[in-house]
């Protein structure tokens, strides 16, 4: 049994990975996943895990970074001298807020910093896990789980925890780099059998905010009829669209042809606004595995037909 006496630096491999005996392996696989991996020409070499804790910082501090646009105190006029409307044809106040997401350019403010830190934390956890896989002689990791959980009940401090099972090809053909995949052992076997290989874990995330203006209050008040809340619809649609766009960009970065998804999440909450009142916050996240086709001729195995006699 190996004994670790040196201190473990946060950028080094975990002590368990350095001390592990090469003849014994562990995994997070079920019996069916193990059998599917073996049938696809791969074998497990060990369970791998790593994590990092990041403070993501505030999304915004200045009042107008929440999309709040105060209504003018005096009548506003257009270029022809006509007064601009303040209410629609039904007498409802026009919106005085806009949706701000991480894709809103310079208006995004602290949202950009938040998202950059989010991606940096995710890469740190997965890259360290990939390094542990390589140290075990593995070619990739299957059944990857990426858990993002609050740390010490601090709203902006999160632990990014990545875990999975490192696998190795039994044949002479080896991938050029460690691949990461959320797919299970059975799904991995199906990908290989159909001529596709996983490339990398991909992520598309976006954060959005919209101030609760008078129009939204009218549409959500106690006396409001059943109707669409236009401001909240706009907030959800724009944030989700920005996350999908970032997912596609991450797939292109990995050099793959497409992606299969594992998670399409949407989280909403409210918080006090620095300008007064309340803001609605939305965070949209897409997680998946980018895949690419074999570059050689491949014929998937034929299915067996069963007939009742």
C-alpha atoms as a PDB file:
ATOM      1  CA  UNK A   1       0.000   0.000   0.000  1.00  0.00           C
ATOM      2  CA  UNK A   2       1.350   3.400  -0.967  1.00  0.00           C
ATOM      3  CA  UNK A   3       1.543   6.124   1.651  1.00  0.00           C
ATOM      4  CA  UNK A   4       1.219   9.776   0.658  1.00  0.00           C
ATOM      5  CA  UNK A   5       3.386  12.058   2.746  1.00  0.00           C
ATOM      6  CA  UNK A   6       3.585  15.191   0.559  1.00  0.00           C
ATOM      7  CA  UNK A   7       0.941  17.910   0.620  1.00  0.00           C
ATOM      8  CA  UNK A   8      -1.632  17.897  -2.149  1.00  0.00           C
ATOM      9  CA  UNK A   9      -1.710  21.074  -4.248  1.00  0.00           C
ATOM     10  CA  UNK A  10      -5.035  22.071  -5.801  1.00  0.00           C
ATOM     11  CA  UNK A  11      -3.517  21.796  -9.304  1.00  0.00           C
ATOM     12  CA  UNK A  12      -2.019  18.331  -8.758  1.00  0.00           C
ATOM     13  CA  UNK A  13      -3.647  14.938  -9.101  1.00  0.00           C
ATOM     14  CA  UNK A  14      -5.565  13.723  -6.061  1.00  0.00           C
ATOM     15  CA  UNK A  15      -3.497  11.513  -3.713  1.00  0.00           C
ATOM     16  CA  UNK A  16      -5.755   8.555  -4.486  1.00  0.00           C
ATOM     17  CA  UNK A  17      -4.920   8.791  -8.192  1.00  0.00           C
ATOM     18  CA  UNK A  18      -1.156   8.846  -7.568  1.00  0.00           C
ATOM     19  CA  UNK A  19      -1.302   5.990  -5.092  1.00  0.00           C
ATOM     20  CA  UNK A  20      -3.656   3.728  -7.016  1.00  0.00           C
ATOM     21  CA  UNK A  21      -2.356   0.276  -7.874  1.00  0.00           C
ATOM     22  CA  UNK A  22      -2.404  -0.228 -11.662  1.00  0.00           C
ATOM     23  CA  UNK A  23      -3.819  -3.742 -11.356  1.00  0.00           C
ATOM     24  CA  UNK A  24      -7.063  -2.733  -9.614  1.00  0.00           C
ATOM     25  CA  UNK A  25      -9.733  -0.375 -10.851  1.00  0.00           C
ATOM     26  CA  UNK A  26     -12.994   1.092  -9.608  1.00  0.00           C
ATOM     27  CA  UNK A  27     -15.893   2.545 -11.566  1.00  0.00           C
ATOM     28  CA  UNK A  28     -19.303   4.109 -11.329  1.00  0.00           C
ATOM     29  CA  UNK A  29     -20.703   1.719 -13.922  1.00  0.00           C
ATOM     30  CA  UNK A  30     -23.626  -0.630 -13.591  1.00  0.00           C
ATOM     31  CA  UNK A  31     -23.339  -4.242 -14.755  1.00  0.00           C
ATOM     32  CA  UNK A  32     -25.130  -3.381 -18.007  1.00  0.00           C
ATOM     33  CA  UNK A  33     -22.846  -0.407 -18.652  1.00  0.00           C
ATOM     34  CA  UNK A  34     -19.749  -2.510 -18.015  1.00  0.00           C
ATOM     35  CA  UNK A  35     -20.948  -5.191 -20.437  1.00  0.00           C
ATOM     36  CA  UNK A  36     -21.801  -2.586 -23.110  1.00  0.00           C
ATOM     37  CA  UNK A  37     -18.345  -1.000 -22.802  1.00  0.00           C
ATOM     38  CA  UNK A  38     -16.631  -4.364 -23.186  1.00  0.00           C
ATOM     39  CA  UNK A  39     -18.767  -5.169 -26.214  1.00  0.00           C
ATOM     40  CA  UNK A  40     -17.715  -1.848 -27.793  1.00  0.00           C
ATOM     41  CA  UNK A  41     -14.017  -2.684 -27.327  1.00  0.00           C
ATOM     42  CA  UNK A  42     -13.312  -0.605 -24.215  1.00  0.00           C
ATOM     43  CA  UNK A  43     -12.523  -1.398 -20.587  1.00  0.00           C
ATOM     44  CA  UNK A  44     -12.675   0.721 -17.422  1.00  0.00           C
ATOM     45  CA  UNK A  45      -9.426   1.837 -15.798  1.00  0.00           C
ATOM     46  CA  UNK A  46     -10.777   3.723 -12.797  1.00  0.00           C
ATOM     47  CA  UNK A  47     -13.288   6.142 -11.323  1.00  0.00           C
ATOM     48  CA  UNK A  48     -12.129   9.755 -11.596  1.00  0.00           C
ATOM     49  CA  UNK A  49     -13.312  12.930  -9.906  1.00  0.00           C
ATOM     50  CA  UNK A  50     -12.212  16.501  -9.333  1.00  0.00           C
ATOM     51  CA  UNK A  51     -13.741  19.771  -8.211  1.00  0.00           C
ATOM     52  CA  UNK A  52     -13.135  23.465  -7.771  1.00  0.00           C
ATOM     53  CA  UNK A  53     -14.805  26.197  -5.729  1.00  0.00           C
ATOM     54  CA  UNK A  54     -15.218  29.614  -7.337  1.00  0.00           C
ATOM     55  CA  UNK A  55     -16.683  32.902  -6.235  1.00  0.00           C
ATOM     56  CA  UNK A  56     -18.578  34.030  -9.338  1.00  0.00           C
ATOM     57  CA  UNK A  57     -18.938  37.639  -8.229  1.00  0.00           C
ATOM     58  CA  UNK A  58     -21.969  39.855  -8.481  1.00  0.00           C
ATOM     59  CA  UNK A  59     -23.913  39.903 -11.730  1.00  0.00           C
ATOM     60  CA  UNK A  60     -24.511  43.641 -11.488  1.00  0.00           C
ATOM     61  CA  UNK A  61     -24.053  46.541  -9.133  1.00  0.00           C
ATOM     62  CA  UNK A  62     -25.217  49.568 -11.097  1.00  0.00           C
ATOM     63  CA  UNK A  63     -29.002  50.119 -11.293  1.00  0.00           C
ATOM     64  CA  UNK A  64     -29.272  50.139 -15.087  1.00  0.00           C
ATOM     65  CA  UNK A  65     -27.518  46.760 -15.447  1.00  0.00           C
ATOM     66  CA  UNK A  66     -30.844  45.202 -14.454  1.00  0.00           C
ATOM     67  CA  UNK A  67     -32.518  46.622 -17.553  1.00  0.00           C
ATOM     68  CA  UNK A  68     -34.377  49.328 -15.634  1.00  0.00           C
ATOM     69  CA  UNK A  69     -35.188  52.387 -17.716  1.00  0.00           C
ATOM     70  CA  UNK A  70     -36.962  55.027 -15.638  1.00  0.00           C
ATOM     71  CA  UNK A  71     -40.007  56.588 -17.260  1.00  0.00           C
ATOM     72  CA  UNK A  72     -39.464  60.216 -18.329  1.00  0.00           C
ATOM     73  CA  UNK A  73     -40.813  62.826 -15.912  1.00  0.00           C
ATOM     74  CA  UNK A  74     -41.838  65.137 -18.751  1.00  0.00           C
ATOM     75  CA  UNK A  75     -43.538  64.445 -22.049  1.00  0.00           C
ATOM     76  CA  UNK A  76     -41.098  63.189 -24.714  1.00  0.00           C
ATOM     77  CA  UNK A  77     -41.422  64.115 -28.388  1.00  0.00           C
ATOM     78  CA  UNK A  78     -40.314  62.441 -31.603  1.00  0.00           C
ATOM     79  CA  UNK A  79     -38.440  64.205 -34.428  1.00  0.00           C
ATOM     80  CA  UNK A  80     -41.665  65.515 -35.963  1.00  0.00           C
ATOM     81  CA  UNK A  81     -42.694  67.147 -32.696  1.00  0.00           C
ATOM     82  CA  UNK A  82     -45.424  64.667 -31.805  1.00  0.00           C
ATOM     83  CA  UNK A  83     -45.569  63.481 -28.154  1.00  0.00           C
ATOM     84  CA  UNK A  84     -44.420  59.932 -27.600  1.00  0.00           C
ATOM     85  CA  UNK A  85     -47.047  57.584 -26.105  1.00  0.00           C
ATOM     86  CA  UNK A  86     -46.741  56.400 -22.520  1.00  0.00           C
ATOM     87  CA  UNK A  87     -49.663  53.934 -22.696  1.00  0.00           C
ATOM     88  CA  UNK A  88     -50.921  51.457 -25.279  1.00  0.00           C
ATOM     89  CA  UNK A  89     -54.380  51.439 -26.901  1.00  0.00           C
ATOM     90  CA  UNK A  90     -55.821  49.571 -23.901  1.00  0.00           C
ATOM     91  CA  UNK A  91     -54.571  52.178 -21.457  1.00  0.00           C
ATOM     92  CA  UNK A  92     -51.782  49.985 -20.089  1.00  0.00           C
ATOM     93  CA  UNK A  93     -48.393  51.483 -19.271  1.00  0.00           C
ATOM     94  CA  UNK A  94     -45.730  50.788 -21.857  1.00  0.00           C
ATOM     95  CA  UNK A  95     -42.721  48.787 -20.623  1.00  0.00           C
ATOM     96  CA  UNK A  96     -39.925  50.799 -19.053  1.00  0.00           C
ATOM     97  CA  UNK A  97     -37.579  47.810 -18.697  1.00  0.00           C
ATOM     98  CA  UNK A  98     -35.553  45.773 -21.167  1.00  0.00           C
ATOM     99  CA  UNK A  99     -34.092  42.279 -20.873  1.00  0.00           C
ATOM    100  CA  UNK A 100     -30.344  42.113 -20.211  1.00  0.00           C
ATOM    101  CA  UNK A 101     -28.470  38.839 -20.852  1.00  0.00           C
ATOM    102  CA  UNK A 102     -24.835  37.829 -21.161  1.00  0.00           C
ATOM    103  CA  UNK A 103     -25.296  38.346 -24.910  1.00  0.00           C
ATOM    104  CA  UNK A 104     -26.271  42.020 -24.571  1.00  0.00           C
ATOM    105  CA  UNK A 105     -22.797  43.383 -25.320  1.00  0.00           C
ATOM    106  CA  UNK A 106     -21.579  46.289 -23.216  1.00  0.00           C
ATOM    107  CA  UNK A 107     -24.977  46.515 -21.500  1.00  0.00           C
ATOM    108  CA  UNK A 108     -24.369  43.104 -19.902  1.00  0.00           C
ATOM    109  CA  UNK A 109     -21.961  44.584 -17.366  1.00  0.00           C
ATOM    110  CA  UNK A 110     -21.258  42.085 -14.572  1.00  0.00           C
ATOM    111  CA  UNK A 111     -23.070  39.287 -16.413  1.00  0.00           C
ATOM    112  CA  UNK A 112     -20.001  38.872 -18.653  1.00  0.00           C
ATOM    113  CA  UNK A 113     -17.717  38.458 -15.644  1.00  0.00           C
ATOM    114  CA  UNK A 114     -20.115  35.972 -14.070  1.00  0.00           C
ATOM    115  CA  UNK A 115     -20.266  33.820 -17.205  1.00  0.00           C
ATOM    116  CA  UNK A 116     -16.506  33.882 -17.843  1.00  0.00           C
ATOM    117  CA  UNK A 117     -15.885  32.712 -14.290  1.00  0.00           C
ATOM    118  CA  UNK A 118     -18.575  30.033 -14.673  1.00  0.00           C
ATOM    119  CA  UNK A 119     -16.864  28.579 -17.764  1.00  0.00           C
ATOM    120  CA  UNK A 120     -13.409  28.870 -16.203  1.00  0.00           C
ATOM    121  CA  UNK A 121     -14.560  26.914 -13.153  1.00  0.00           C
ATOM    122  CA  UNK A 122     -16.145  24.219 -15.321  1.00  0.00           C
ATOM    123  CA  UNK A 123     -12.975  23.860 -17.406  1.00  0.00           C
ATOM    124  CA  UNK A 124     -10.792  23.659 -14.296  1.00  0.00           C
ATOM    125  CA  UNK A 125     -12.805  20.754 -12.854  1.00  0.00           C
ATOM    126  CA  UNK A 126     -13.050  18.792 -16.131  1.00  0.00           C
ATOM    127  CA  UNK A 127      -9.421  19.373 -17.181  1.00  0.00           C
ATOM    128  CA  UNK A 128      -8.132  18.098 -13.829  1.00  0.00           C
ATOM    129  CA  UNK A 129     -10.379  15.062 -14.144  1.00  0.00           C
ATOM    130  CA  UNK A 130      -9.066  14.465 -17.692  1.00  0.00           C
ATOM    131  CA  UNK A 131      -5.494  14.681 -16.378  1.00  0.00           C
ATOM    132  CA  UNK A 132      -6.293  11.988 -13.820  1.00  0.00           C
ATOM    133  CA  UNK A 133      -7.733   9.827 -16.623  1.00  0.00           C
ATOM    134  CA  UNK A 134      -4.548  10.232 -18.669  1.00  0.00           C
ATOM    135  CA  UNK A 135      -2.406   9.313 -15.656  1.00  0.00           C
ATOM    136  CA  UNK A 136      -4.293   6.003 -15.443  1.00  0.00           C
ATOM    137  CA  UNK A 137      -3.641   5.279 -19.117  1.00  0.00           C
ATOM    138  CA  UNK A 138      -7.234   6.012 -20.100  1.00  0.00           C
ATOM    139  CA  UNK A 139      -8.465   7.294 -23.445  1.00  0.00           C
ATOM    140  CA  UNK A 140     -11.605   9.024 -22.223  1.00  0.00           C
ATOM    141  CA  UNK A 141     -14.283   9.339 -19.573  1.00  0.00           C
ATOM    142  CA  UNK A 142     -17.891   8.146 -19.810  1.00  0.00           C
ATOM    143  CA  UNK A 143     -20.905   8.811 -17.587  1.00  0.00           C
ATOM    144  CA  UNK A 144     -19.523  12.238 -16.677  1.00  0.00           C
ATOM    145  CA  UNK A 145     -21.565  14.132 -14.108  1.00  0.00           C
ATOM    146  CA  UNK A 146     -21.081  17.864 -13.706  1.00  0.00           C
ATOM    147  CA  UNK A 147     -22.659  19.005 -10.446  1.00  0.00           C
ATOM    148  CA  UNK A 148     -22.817  22.703  -9.576  1.00  0.00           C
ATOM    149  CA  UNK A 149     -23.849  23.215  -5.951  1.00  0.00           C
ATOM    150  CA  UNK A 150     -23.795  26.179  -3.528  1.00  0.00           C
ATOM    151  CA  UNK A 151     -20.811  26.318  -1.196  1.00  0.00           C
ATOM    152  CA  UNK A 152     -21.266  27.384   2.439  1.00  0.00           C
ATOM    153  CA  UNK A 153     -24.744  28.717   1.575  1.00  0.00           C
ATOM    154  CA  UNK A 154     -23.134  31.690  -0.204  1.00  0.00           C
ATOM    155  CA  UNK A 155     -25.234  32.652  -3.264  1.00  0.00           C
ATOM    156  CA  UNK A 156     -22.241  33.497  -5.479  1.00  0.00           C
ATOM    157  CA  UNK A 157     -19.861  30.741  -4.256  1.00  0.00           C
ATOM    158  CA  UNK A 158     -20.309  27.454  -6.098  1.00  0.00           C
ATOM    159  CA  UNK A 159     -18.559  24.097  -6.137  1.00  0.00           C
ATOM    160  CA  UNK A 160     -18.094  22.624  -9.615  1.00  0.00           C
ATOM    161  CA  UNK A 161     -17.726  18.861  -9.226  1.00  0.00           C
ATOM    162  CA  UNK A 162     -16.941  16.567 -12.192  1.00  0.00           C
ATOM    163  CA  UNK A 163     -16.943  12.772 -11.909  1.00  0.00           C
ATOM    164  CA  UNK A 164     -17.035   9.766 -14.214  1.00  0.00           C
ATOM    165  CA  UNK A 165     -15.343   6.504 -15.210  1.00  0.00           C
ATOM    166  CA  UNK A 166     -12.102   6.512 -17.186  1.00  0.00           C
ATOM    167  CA  UNK A 167     -12.011   3.942 -20.002  1.00  0.00           C
ATOM    168  CA  UNK A 168      -9.369   2.607 -22.396  1.00  0.00           C
ATOM    169  CA  UNK A 169      -9.633   1.083 -25.868  1.00  0.00           C
ATOM    170  CA  UNK A 170      -8.508  -2.543 -26.019  1.00  0.00           C
ATOM    171  CA  UNK A 171      -7.446  -2.344 -29.681  1.00  0.00           C
ATOM    172  CA  UNK A 172      -4.465  -0.634 -31.350  1.00  0.00           C
ATOM    173  CA  UNK A 173      -6.473   2.438 -32.447  1.00  0.00           C
ATOM    174  CA  UNK A 174      -6.324   5.135 -29.775  1.00  0.00           C
ATOM    175  CA  UNK A 175      -7.792   8.647 -29.760  1.00  0.00           C
ATOM    176  CA  UNK A 176      -5.420  11.575 -29.965  1.00  0.00           C
ATOM    177  CA  UNK A 177      -6.738  13.183 -26.783  1.00  0.00           C
ATOM    178  CA  UNK A 178      -8.826  12.301 -23.763  1.00  0.00           C
ATOM    179  CA  UNK A 179     -12.528  12.522 -24.597  1.00  0.00           C
ATOM    180  CA  UNK A 180     -15.227  13.503 -22.115  1.00  0.00           C
ATOM    181  CA  UNK A 181     -18.799  12.269 -22.396  1.00  0.00           C
ATOM    182  CA  UNK A 182     -21.917  12.349 -20.269  1.00  0.00           C
ATOM    183  CA  UNK A 183     -23.415   9.300 -22.048  1.00  0.00           C
ATOM    184  CA  UNK A 184     -23.844   6.053 -20.121  1.00  0.00           C
ATOM    185  CA  UNK A 185     -21.996   2.848 -20.920  1.00  0.00           C
ATOM    186  CA  UNK A 186     -24.915   1.535 -22.991  1.00  0.00           C
ATOM    187  CA  UNK A 187     -25.251   4.810 -24.891  1.00  0.00           C
ATOM    188  CA  UNK A 188     -21.501   4.879 -25.493  1.00  0.00           C
ATOM    189  CA  UNK A 189     -21.689   1.396 -27.006  1.00  0.00           C
ATOM    190  CA  UNK A 190     -24.552   2.500 -29.278  1.00  0.00           C
ATOM    191  CA  UNK A 191     -22.576   5.550 -30.440  1.00  0.00           C
ATOM    192  CA  UNK A 192     -19.555   3.423 -31.335  1.00  0.00           C
ATOM    193  CA  UNK A 193     -21.719   0.789 -33.068  1.00  0.00           C
ATOM    194  CA  UNK A 194     -23.398   3.465 -35.213  1.00  0.00           C
ATOM    195  CA  UNK A 195     -20.120   5.032 -36.308  1.00  0.00           C
ATOM    196  CA  UNK A 196     -19.900   8.001 -33.927  1.00  0.00           C
ATOM    197  CA  UNK A 197     -17.420   8.864 -31.180  1.00  0.00           C
ATOM    198  CA  UNK A 198     -17.679  11.357 -28.304  1.00  0.00           C
ATOM    199  CA  UNK A 199     -15.316  14.321 -28.349  1.00  0.00           C
ATOM    200  CA  UNK A 200     -15.882  16.590 -25.368  1.00  0.00           C
ATOM    201  CA  UNK A 201     -18.321  17.753 -22.737  1.00  0.00           C
ATOM    202  CA  UNK A 202     -20.002  20.930 -24.018  1.00  0.00           C
ATOM    203  CA  UNK A 203     -21.878  23.640 -22.178  1.00  0.00           C
ATOM    204  CA  UNK A 204     -24.078  26.549 -23.123  1.00  0.00           C
ATOM    205  CA  UNK A 205     -25.065  28.892 -20.307  1.00  0.00           C
ATOM    206  CA  UNK A 206     -26.554  32.354 -20.059  1.00  0.00           C
ATOM    207  CA  UNK A 207     -27.782  34.631 -17.312  1.00  0.00           C
ATOM    208  CA  UNK A 208     -30.567  37.184 -17.752  1.00  0.00           C
ATOM    209  CA  UNK A 209     -32.306  39.870 -15.703  1.00  0.00           C
ATOM    210  CA  UNK A 210     -35.305  42.134 -16.129  1.00  0.00           C
ATOM    211  CA  UNK A 211     -36.586  44.781 -13.771  1.00  0.00           C
ATOM    212  CA  UNK A 212     -40.213  44.513 -12.664  1.00  0.00           C
ATOM    213  CA  UNK A 213     -41.744  47.619 -14.244  1.00  0.00           C
ATOM    214  CA  UNK A 214     -45.290  48.977 -14.057  1.00  0.00           C
ATOM    215  CA  UNK A 215     -46.420  46.938 -17.068  1.00  0.00           C
ATOM    216  CA  UNK A 216     -45.304  43.666 -15.455  1.00  0.00           C
ATOM    217  CA  UNK A 217     -46.963  44.631 -12.164  1.00  0.00           C
ATOM    218  CA  UNK A 218     -50.242  45.257 -13.999  1.00  0.00           C
ATOM    219  CA  UNK A 219     -50.062  41.843 -15.706  1.00  0.00           C
ATOM    220  CA  UNK A 220     -49.265  39.937 -12.497  1.00  0.00           C
ATOM    221  CA  UNK A 221     -51.346  41.824  -9.944  1.00  0.00           C
ATOM    222  CA  UNK A 222     -54.134  40.314  -7.875  1.00  0.00           C
ATOM    223  CA  UNK A 223     -56.804  41.743 -10.215  1.00  0.00           C
ATOM    224  CA  UNK A 224     -55.004  40.873 -13.449  1.00  0.00           C
ATOM    225  CA  UNK A 225     -56.835  38.517 -15.853  1.00  0.00           C
ATOM    226  CA  UNK A 226     -55.268  35.347 -17.237  1.00  0.00           C
ATOM    227  CA  UNK A 227     -52.796  36.556 -19.849  1.00  0.00           C
ATOM    228  CA  UNK A 228     -49.235  36.321 -21.087  1.00  0.00           C
ATOM    229  CA  UNK A 229     -46.705  38.257 -19.018  1.00  0.00           C
ATOM    230  CA  UNK A 230     -44.795  39.819 -21.890  1.00  0.00           C
ATOM    231  CA  UNK A 231     -41.742  40.959 -19.941  1.00  0.00           C
ATOM    232  CA  UNK A 232     -41.129  37.557 -18.353  1.00  0.00           C
ATOM    233  CA  UNK A 233     -41.683  35.794 -21.692  1.00  0.00           C
ATOM    234  CA  UNK A 234     -39.061  38.042 -23.265  1.00  0.00           C
ATOM    235  CA  UNK A 235     -36.647  37.367 -20.387  1.00  0.00           C
ATOM    236  CA  UNK A 236     -36.948  33.582 -20.680  1.00  0.00           C
ATOM    237  CA  UNK A 237     -36.811  33.500 -24.502  1.00  0.00           C
ATOM    238  CA  UNK A 238     -33.773  35.772 -24.831  1.00  0.00           C
ATOM    239  CA  UNK A 239     -31.805  34.032 -22.077  1.00  0.00           C
ATOM    240  CA  UNK A 240     -32.522  30.558 -23.431  1.00  0.00           C
ATOM    241  CA  UNK A 241     -31.666  31.648 -26.985  1.00  0.00           C
ATOM    242  CA  UNK A 242     -28.328  33.060 -25.819  1.00  0.00           C
ATOM    243  CA  UNK A 243     -27.533  29.790 -23.988  1.00  0.00           C
ATOM    244  CA  UNK A 244     -28.332  27.737 -27.128  1.00  0.00           C
ATOM    245  CA  UNK A 245     -26.084  30.008 -29.201  1.00  0.00           C
ATOM    246  CA  UNK A 246     -23.234  29.511 -26.742  1.00  0.00           C
ATOM    247  CA  UNK A 247     -23.782  25.736 -26.789  1.00  0.00           C
ATOM    248  CA  UNK A 248     -23.394  25.705 -30.589  1.00  0.00           C
ATOM    249  CA  UNK A 249     -20.202  27.774 -30.246  1.00  0.00           C
ATOM    250  CA  UNK A 250     -18.801  25.273 -27.720  1.00  0.00           C
ATOM    251  CA  UNK A 251     -19.536  22.392 -30.117  1.00  0.00           C
ATOM    252  CA  UNK A 252     -17.614  24.202 -32.866  1.00  0.00           C
ATOM    253  CA  UNK A 253     -14.735  24.831 -30.450  1.00  0.00           C
ATOM    254  CA  UNK A 254     -14.458  21.115 -29.764  1.00  0.00           C
ATOM    255  CA  UNK A 255     -14.143  20.384 -33.499  1.00  0.00           C
ATOM    256  CA  UNK A 256     -17.174  18.078 -33.486  1.00  0.00           C
ATOM    257  CA  UNK A 257     -20.079  17.814 -35.902  1.00  0.00           C
ATOM    258  CA  UNK A 258     -22.947  17.901 -33.425  1.00  0.00           C
ATOM    259  CA  UNK A 259     -24.011  17.238 -29.864  1.00  0.00           C
ATOM    260  CA  UNK A 260     -26.359  15.061 -27.836  1.00  0.00           C
ATOM    261  CA  UNK A 261     -27.880  16.708 -24.770  1.00  0.00           C
ATOM    262  CA  UNK A 262     -28.110  15.519 -21.198  1.00  0.00           C
ATOM    263  CA  UNK A 263     -29.547  18.605 -19.488  1.00  0.00           C
ATOM    264  CA  UNK A 264     -31.619  21.593 -20.545  1.00  0.00           C
ATOM    265  CA  UNK A 265     -32.253  23.492 -17.329  1.00  0.00           C
ATOM    266  CA  UNK A 266     -33.859  26.819 -16.466  1.00  0.00           C
ATOM    267  CA  UNK A 267     -33.645  28.412 -13.017  1.00  0.00           C
ATOM    268  CA  UNK A 268     -35.607  31.511 -12.014  1.00  0.00           C
ATOM    269  CA  UNK A 269     -35.614  33.653  -8.897  1.00  0.00           C
ATOM    270  CA  UNK A 270     -36.191  37.226  -7.722  1.00  0.00           C
ATOM    271  CA  UNK A 271     -33.865  39.626  -5.941  1.00  0.00           C
ATOM    272  CA  UNK A 272     -33.920  43.201  -4.690  1.00  0.00           C
ATOM    273  CA  UNK A 273     -32.866  45.799  -7.245  1.00  0.00           C
ATOM    274  CA  UNK A 274     -30.200  48.434  -6.448  1.00  0.00           C
ATOM    275  CA  UNK A 275     -32.537  50.995  -8.052  1.00  0.00           C
ATOM    276  CA  UNK A 276     -35.420  49.935  -5.824  1.00  0.00           C
ATOM    277  CA  UNK A 277     -38.151  47.406  -6.399  1.00  0.00           C
ATOM    278  CA  UNK A 278     -37.488  43.893  -7.622  1.00  0.00           C
ATOM    279  CA  UNK A 279     -35.696  42.137 -10.486  1.00  0.00           C
ATOM    280  CA  UNK A 280     -36.435  38.765 -12.027  1.00  0.00           C
ATOM    281  CA  UNK A 281     -33.355  36.610 -12.717  1.00  0.00           C
ATOM    282  CA  UNK A 282     -33.087  33.659 -15.112  1.00  0.00           C
ATOM    283  CA  UNK A 283     -30.238  31.226 -15.714  1.00  0.00           C
ATOM    284  CA  UNK A 284     -30.428  28.837 -18.683  1.00  0.00           C
ATOM    285  CA  UNK A 285     -28.010  25.898 -18.982  1.00  0.00           C
ATOM    286  CA  UNK A 286     -27.508  23.247 -21.666  1.00  0.00           C
ATOM    287  CA  UNK A 287     -25.049  20.399 -21.041  1.00  0.00           C
ATOM    288  CA  UNK A 288     -24.209  17.640 -23.495  1.00  0.00           C
ATOM    289  CA  UNK A 289     -21.537  15.720 -25.386  1.00  0.00           C
ATOM    290  CA  UNK A 290     -20.163  16.771 -28.747  1.00  0.00           C
ATOM    291  CA  UNK A 291     -19.765  13.890 -31.186  1.00  0.00           C
ATOM    292  CA  UNK A 292     -18.184  13.280 -34.578  1.00  0.00           C
ATOM    293  CA  UNK A 293     -18.420  10.484 -37.133  1.00  0.00           C
ATOM    294  CA  UNK A 294     -15.714   7.926 -37.859  1.00  0.00           C
ATOM    295  CA  UNK A 295     -13.587   8.889 -40.836  1.00  0.00           C
ATOM    296  CA  UNK A 296     -13.491   5.323 -42.095  1.00  0.00           C
ATOM    297  CA  UNK A 297     -16.150   3.173 -43.731  1.00  0.00           C
ATOM    298  CA  UNK A 298     -18.359   1.726 -41.056  1.00  0.00           C
ATOM    299  CA  UNK A 299     -21.275  -0.640 -41.185  1.00  0.00           C
ATOM    300  CA  UNK A 300     -23.432  -0.796 -38.073  1.00  0.00           C
ATOM    301  CA  UNK A 301     -24.331  -4.296 -36.898  1.00  0.00           C
ATOM    302  CA  UNK A 302     -27.626  -5.661 -38.167  1.00  0.00           C
ATOM    303  CA  UNK A 303     -30.430  -6.080 -35.677  1.00  0.00           C
ATOM    304  CA  UNK A 304     -31.876  -9.530 -35.142  1.00  0.00           C
ATOM    305  CA  UNK A 305     -35.511  -9.971 -36.107  1.00  0.00           C
ATOM    306  CA  UNK A 306     -37.767 -11.912 -33.747  1.00  0.00           C
ATOM    307  CA  UNK A 307     -40.965 -13.517 -34.972  1.00  0.00           C
ATOM    308  CA  UNK A 308     -43.689 -15.140 -32.957  1.00  0.00           C
ATOM    309  CA  UNK A 309     -44.205 -18.725 -34.212  1.00  0.00           C
END
